[in-house]
Amino acid sequence: MADTDDGAANAPAKSSKLPLLLGVGLALAGAGGGFYAVWSGLIMGGESHAGAAHARPASDGGGAGESHVAMPDIAYVPVDPLVISLGDGATGAHLRFRAQLEVASRYQGEVETLMPRVIDVLNSYLRALETADLADSTALIRLRSQMLRRVQIVTGKDRVRDLLIMEFVLN
């Protein structure tokens, strides 16, 4: 009888699967809630999937019951192409740069009037760069945000929405 008591005491106890099932259930509920929040536009402010299906533009120019998505009220102001020599001049590296500014159409005339200042601030910033600054794979993103910030300071924060780089060639 002593052997049977020792065997029962040494047997491993079965662990409960309740915490595992509860964790899986909560993870699925969270994933479903996250999907719905993004899909419906509650997060990331996008247009809902259901609304996008109703707002498709007509391919034939007009159809009964079809609605069109209104284009945003924007205009593009071209920046004159710039050629900037980089470094100390011994390497002979040049940067060709061309961009356009995305502005609200009501500010297009004002931004065009300020274009000499915009070109000056871009030329000054790009001239201060060195070839090593452009070697990083994320350099263009960083440079774009820096240039946009400088342009917004010159023109006013609400006038220029974005800076679109059309050409960025290092020779």
C-alpha atoms as a PDB file:
ATOM      1  CA  MET A   1       0.000   0.000   0.000  1.00  0.00           C
ATOM      2  CA  ALA A   2       2.898   2.320   0.553  1.00  0.00           C
ATOM      3  CA  ASP A   3       3.876   1.917  -3.107  1.00  0.00           C
ATOM      4  CA  THR A   4       0.505   3.123  -4.357  1.00  0.00           C
ATOM      5  CA  ASP A   5       0.561   6.250  -2.192  1.00  0.00           C
ATOM      6  CA  ASP A   6       4.057   7.215  -3.436  1.00  0.00           C
ATOM      7  CA  GLY A   7       3.018   6.711  -7.088  1.00  0.00           C
ATOM      8  CA  ALA A   8       0.030   9.023  -6.748  1.00  0.00           C
ATOM      9  CA  ALA A   9       2.111  11.715  -5.077  1.00  0.00           C
ATOM     10  CA  ASN A  10       4.887  11.594  -7.737  1.00  0.00           C
ATOM     11  CA  ALA A  11       2.564  11.711 -10.788  1.00  0.00           C
ATOM     12  CA  PRO A  12       2.695  15.051 -12.609  1.00  0.00           C
ATOM     13  CA  ALA A  13      -0.432  17.147 -12.181  1.00  0.00           C
ATOM     14  CA  LYS A  14      -2.349  17.971 -15.378  1.00  0.00           C
ATOM     15  CA  SER A  15      -2.093  21.654 -16.139  1.00  0.00           C
ATOM     16  CA  SER A  16      -5.235  23.541 -17.015  1.00  0.00           C
ATOM     17  CA  LYS A  17      -5.697  24.667 -20.628  1.00  0.00           C
ATOM     18  CA  LEU A  18      -7.989  27.514 -19.612  1.00  0.00           C
ATOM     19  CA  PRO A  19      -5.274  30.249 -19.690  1.00  0.00           C
ATOM     20  CA  LEU A  20      -4.168  29.139 -23.168  1.00  0.00           C
ATOM     21  CA  LEU A  21      -7.696  29.127 -24.551  1.00  0.00           C
ATOM     22  CA  LEU A  22      -8.455  32.451 -22.903  1.00  0.00           C
ATOM     23  CA  GLY A  23      -5.304  33.994 -24.450  1.00  0.00           C
ATOM     24  CA  VAL A  24      -6.121  32.691 -27.932  1.00  0.00           C
ATOM     25  CA  GLY A  25      -9.690  33.975 -27.641  1.00  0.00           C
ATOM     26  CA  LEU A  26      -8.555  37.439 -26.555  1.00  0.00           C
ATOM     27  CA  ALA A  27      -5.956  37.575 -29.343  1.00  0.00           C
ATOM     28  CA  LEU A  28      -8.585  36.732 -31.964  1.00  0.00           C
ATOM     29  CA  ALA A  29     -10.991  39.302 -30.537  1.00  0.00           C
ATOM     30  CA  GLY A  30      -8.245  41.965 -30.572  1.00  0.00           C
ATOM     31  CA  ALA A  31      -7.247  41.135 -34.130  1.00  0.00           C
ATOM     32  CA  GLY A  32     -10.859  41.304 -35.265  1.00  0.00           C
ATOM     33  CA  GLY A  33     -11.400  44.615 -33.493  1.00  0.00           C
ATOM     34  CA  GLY A  34      -8.217  46.056 -34.987  1.00  0.00           C
ATOM     35  CA  PHE A  35      -9.202  44.943 -38.482  1.00  0.00           C
ATOM     36  CA  TYR A  36     -12.630  46.516 -38.117  1.00  0.00           C
ATOM     37  CA  ALA A  37     -11.197  49.780 -36.768  1.00  0.00           C
ATOM     38  CA  VAL A  38      -8.835  50.158 -39.748  1.00  0.00           C
ATOM     39  CA  TRP A  39     -11.387  48.928 -42.301  1.00  0.00           C
ATOM     40  CA  SER A  40     -14.099  51.297 -41.101  1.00  0.00           C
ATOM     41  CA  GLY A  41     -11.748  54.281 -40.944  1.00  0.00           C
ATOM     42  CA  LEU A  42     -11.758  54.752 -37.174  1.00  0.00           C
ATOM     43  CA  ILE A  43      -7.967  54.391 -37.193  1.00  0.00           C
ATOM     44  CA  MET A  44      -5.701  55.967 -39.823  1.00  0.00           C
ATOM     45  CA  GLY A  45      -8.544  58.208 -41.008  1.00  0.00           C
ATOM     46  CA  GLY A  46      -8.893  56.484 -44.350  1.00  0.00           C
ATOM     47  CA  GLU A  47     -12.024  56.091 -46.367  1.00  0.00           C
ATOM     48  CA  SER A  48     -13.958  53.028 -45.366  1.00  0.00           C
ATOM     49  CA  HIS A  49     -13.894  50.030 -47.659  1.00  0.00           C
ATOM     50  CA  ALA A  50     -17.660  50.163 -48.072  1.00  0.00           C
ATOM     51  CA  GLY A  51     -17.549  53.874 -48.963  1.00  0.00           C
ATOM     52  CA  ALA A  52     -14.805  53.309 -51.527  1.00  0.00           C
ATOM     53  CA  ALA A  53     -16.976  50.829 -53.403  1.00  0.00           C
ATOM     54  CA  HIS A  54     -19.684  53.460 -53.856  1.00  0.00           C
ATOM     55  CA  ALA A  55     -17.315  56.278 -54.828  1.00  0.00           C
ATOM     56  CA  ARG A  56     -15.571  54.678 -57.810  1.00  0.00           C
ATOM     57  CA  PRO A  57     -15.271  57.046 -60.751  1.00  0.00           C
ATOM     58  CA  ALA A  58     -17.156  56.086 -63.889  1.00  0.00           C
ATOM     59  CA  SER A  59     -14.926  54.819 -66.658  1.00  0.00           C
ATOM     60  CA  ASP A  60     -17.293  55.746 -69.486  1.00  0.00           C
ATOM     61  CA  GLY A  61     -17.834  59.350 -68.424  1.00  0.00           C
ATOM     62  CA  GLY A  62     -21.152  58.945 -66.702  1.00  0.00           C
ATOM     63  CA  GLY A  63     -23.557  56.306 -65.623  1.00  0.00           C
ATOM     64  CA  ALA A  64     -26.799  56.194 -63.801  1.00  0.00           C
ATOM     65  CA  GLY A  65     -26.400  55.998 -60.057  1.00  0.00           C
ATOM     66  CA  GLU A  66     -22.595  56.300 -60.044  1.00  0.00           C
ATOM     67  CA  SER A  67     -20.927  58.931 -57.886  1.00  0.00           C
ATOM     68  CA  HIS A  68     -17.536  60.511 -58.416  1.00  0.00           C
ATOM     69  CA  VAL A  69     -14.802  61.238 -55.901  1.00  0.00           C
ATOM     70  CA  ALA A  70     -14.085  64.943 -55.769  1.00  0.00           C
ATOM     71  CA  MET A  71     -10.497  65.905 -56.507  1.00  0.00           C
ATOM     72  CA  PRO A  72      -8.751  67.827 -53.754  1.00  0.00           C
ATOM     73  CA  ASP A  73      -8.347  71.557 -54.293  1.00  0.00           C
ATOM     74  CA  ILE A  74      -4.599  71.530 -55.027  1.00  0.00           C
ATOM     75  CA  ALA A  75      -2.177  72.997 -57.508  1.00  0.00           C
ATOM     76  CA  TYR A  76       1.436  72.194 -58.286  1.00  0.00           C
ATOM     77  CA  VAL A  77       4.040  74.928 -58.473  1.00  0.00           C
ATOM     78  CA  PRO A  78       7.247  73.869 -60.257  1.00  0.00           C
ATOM     79  CA  VAL A  79      10.595  74.728 -58.709  1.00  0.00           C
ATOM     80  CA  ASP A  80      13.255  75.713 -61.210  1.00  0.00           C
ATOM     81  CA  PRO A  81      15.847  72.942 -61.706  1.00  0.00           C
ATOM     82  CA  LEU A  82      18.960  73.311 -59.574  1.00  0.00           C
ATOM     83  CA  VAL A  83      22.482  72.050 -60.222  1.00  0.00           C
ATOM     84  CA  ILE A  84      24.567  72.062 -57.051  1.00  0.00           C
ATOM     85  CA  SER A  85      28.234  71.196 -56.705  1.00  0.00           C
ATOM     86  CA  LEU A  86      28.835  68.986 -53.690  1.00  0.00           C
ATOM     87  CA  GLY A  87      31.841  68.616 -51.445  1.00  0.00           C
ATOM     88  CA  ASP A  88      35.086  70.544 -51.665  1.00  0.00           C
ATOM     89  CA  GLY A  89      35.091  70.701 -55.460  1.00  0.00           C
ATOM     90  CA  ALA A  90      37.955  68.208 -55.840  1.00  0.00           C
ATOM     91  CA  THR A  91      35.591  65.297 -56.472  1.00  0.00           C
ATOM     92  CA  GLY A  92      33.549  67.176 -59.062  1.00  0.00           C
ATOM     93  CA  ALA A  93      30.240  65.716 -57.843  1.00  0.00           C
ATOM     94  CA  HIS A  94      27.116  67.558 -58.920  1.00  0.00           C
ATOM     95  CA  LEU A  95      23.525  67.150 -57.851  1.00  0.00           C
ATOM     96  CA  ARG A  96      20.717  67.807 -60.304  1.00  0.00           C
ATOM     97  CA  PHE A  97      17.516  68.590 -58.424  1.00  0.00           C
ATOM     98  CA  ARG A  98      14.016  69.341 -59.687  1.00  0.00           C
ATOM     99  CA  ALA A  99      10.840  69.482 -57.593  1.00  0.00           C
ATOM    100  CA  GLN A 100       7.258  70.689 -57.436  1.00  0.00           C
ATOM    101  CA  LEU A 101       5.384  72.130 -54.496  1.00  0.00           C
ATOM    102  CA  GLU A 102       1.873  70.905 -53.708  1.00  0.00           C
ATOM    103  CA  VAL A 103      -0.182  73.875 -52.562  1.00  0.00           C
ATOM    104  CA  ALA A 104      -3.823  74.709 -52.005  1.00  0.00           C
ATOM    105  CA  SER A 105      -4.994  76.352 -55.239  1.00  0.00           C
ATOM    106  CA  ARG A 106      -5.923  79.590 -53.449  1.00  0.00           C
ATOM    107  CA  TYR A 107      -2.259  80.032 -52.426  1.00  0.00           C
ATOM    108  CA  GLN A 108      -0.715  79.246 -55.819  1.00  0.00           C
ATOM    109  CA  GLY A 109      -0.096  82.898 -56.748  1.00  0.00           C
ATOM    110  CA  GLU A 110       1.431  83.701 -53.372  1.00  0.00           C
ATOM    111  CA  VAL A 111       3.804  80.730 -53.525  1.00  0.00           C
ATOM    112  CA  GLU A 112       4.835  81.636 -57.083  1.00  0.00           C
ATOM    113  CA  THR A 113       5.613  85.154 -55.859  1.00  0.00           C
ATOM    114  CA  LEU A 114       7.844  83.713 -53.116  1.00  0.00           C
ATOM    115  CA  MET A 115       9.631  81.307 -55.490  1.00  0.00           C
ATOM    116  CA  PRO A 116      12.980  83.214 -55.456  1.00  0.00           C
ATOM    117  CA  ARG A 117      13.108  82.784 -51.667  1.00  0.00           C
ATOM    118  CA  VAL A 118      12.157  79.104 -51.971  1.00  0.00           C
ATOM    119  CA  ILE A 119      14.940  78.502 -54.507  1.00  0.00           C
ATOM    120  CA  ASP A 120      17.390  80.362 -52.279  1.00  0.00           C
ATOM    121  CA  VAL A 121      16.582  78.278 -49.198  1.00  0.00           C
ATOM    122  CA  LEU A 122      16.727  75.006 -51.173  1.00  0.00           C
ATOM    123  CA  ASN A 123      19.977  75.993 -52.868  1.00  0.00           C
ATOM    124  CA  SER A 124      21.545  76.967 -49.523  1.00  0.00           C
ATOM    125  CA  TYR A 125      20.484  73.716 -47.869  1.00  0.00           C
ATOM    126  CA  LEU A 126      21.579  71.454 -50.726  1.00  0.00           C
ATOM    127  CA  ARG A 127      24.895  73.300 -51.093  1.00  0.00           C
ATOM    128  CA  ALA A 128      25.704  72.524 -47.446  1.00  0.00           C
ATOM    129  CA  LEU A 129      25.383  68.774 -48.089  1.00  0.00           C
ATOM    130  CA  GLU A 130      28.308  66.498 -48.704  1.00  0.00           C
ATOM    131  CA  THR A 131      28.433  63.384 -50.869  1.00  0.00           C
ATOM    132  CA  ALA A 132      28.548  61.190 -47.741  1.00  0.00           C
ATOM    133  CA  ASP A 133      25.190  62.653 -46.624  1.00  0.00           C
ATOM    134  CA  LEU A 134      23.568  61.117 -49.710  1.00  0.00           C
ATOM    135  CA  ALA A 135      25.038  57.619 -49.301  1.00  0.00           C
ATOM    136  CA  ASP A 136      22.442  56.424 -46.770  1.00  0.00           C
ATOM    137  CA  SER A 137      19.405  54.595 -48.173  1.00  0.00           C
ATOM    138  CA  THR A 138      17.051  56.824 -46.160  1.00  0.00           C
ATOM    139  CA  ALA A 139      18.815  60.046 -47.173  1.00  0.00           C
ATOM    140  CA  LEU A 140      16.186  61.134 -49.684  1.00  0.00           C
ATOM    141  CA  ILE A 141      13.381  60.836 -47.135  1.00  0.00           C
ATOM    142  CA  ARG A 142      15.356  62.830 -44.580  1.00  0.00           C
ATOM    143  CA  LEU A 143      16.368  65.478 -47.125  1.00  0.00           C
ATOM    144  CA  ARG A 144      12.817  65.800 -48.399  1.00  0.00           C
ATOM    145  CA  SER A 145      11.429  66.436 -44.923  1.00  0.00           C
ATOM    146  CA  GLN A 146      14.182  68.971 -44.191  1.00  0.00           C
ATOM    147  CA  MET A 147      13.549  70.825 -47.448  1.00  0.00           C
ATOM    148  CA  LEU A 148       9.762  70.797 -46.920  1.00  0.00           C
ATOM    149  CA  ARG A 149      10.194  72.271 -43.452  1.00  0.00           C
ATOM    150  CA  ARG A 150      12.425  75.060 -44.797  1.00  0.00           C
ATOM    151  CA  VAL A 151       9.985  75.833 -47.619  1.00  0.00           C
ATOM    152  CA  GLN A 152       7.092  75.967 -45.140  1.00  0.00           C
ATOM    153  CA  ILE A 153       9.017  78.460 -43.015  1.00  0.00           C
ATOM    154  CA  VAL A 154       9.558  80.693 -46.057  1.00  0.00           C
ATOM    155  CA  THR A 155       6.017  80.473 -47.464  1.00  0.00           C
ATOM    156  CA  GLY A 156       3.981  79.953 -44.327  1.00  0.00           C
ATOM    157  CA  LYS A 157       3.032  76.622 -42.782  1.00  0.00           C
ATOM    158  CA  ASP A 158      -0.452  76.339 -44.316  1.00  0.00           C
ATOM    159  CA  ARG A 159       0.488  77.237 -47.887  1.00  0.00           C
ATOM    160  CA  VAL A 160       2.688  74.324 -48.957  1.00  0.00           C
ATOM    161  CA  ARG A 161       1.340  70.832 -48.299  1.00  0.00           C
ATOM    162  CA  ASP A 162       4.143  68.738 -49.756  1.00  0.00           C
ATOM    163  CA  LEU A 163       7.381  68.810 -51.704  1.00  0.00           C
ATOM    164  CA  LEU A 164       7.470  66.347 -54.580  1.00  0.00           C
ATOM    165  CA  ILE A 165      10.932  65.453 -55.810  1.00  0.00           C
ATOM    166  CA  MET A 166      10.867  65.025 -59.582  1.00  0.00           C
ATOM    167  CA  GLU A 167      14.603  64.589 -60.198  1.00  0.00           C
ATOM    168  CA  PHE A 168      17.447  63.855 -57.795  1.00  0.00           C
ATOM    169  CA  VAL A 169      20.535  62.764 -59.711  1.00  0.00           C
ATOM    170  CA  LEU A 170      24.057  62.688 -58.320  1.00  0.00           C
ATOM    171  CA  ASN A 171      26.771  62.850 -61.031  1.00  0.00           C
END
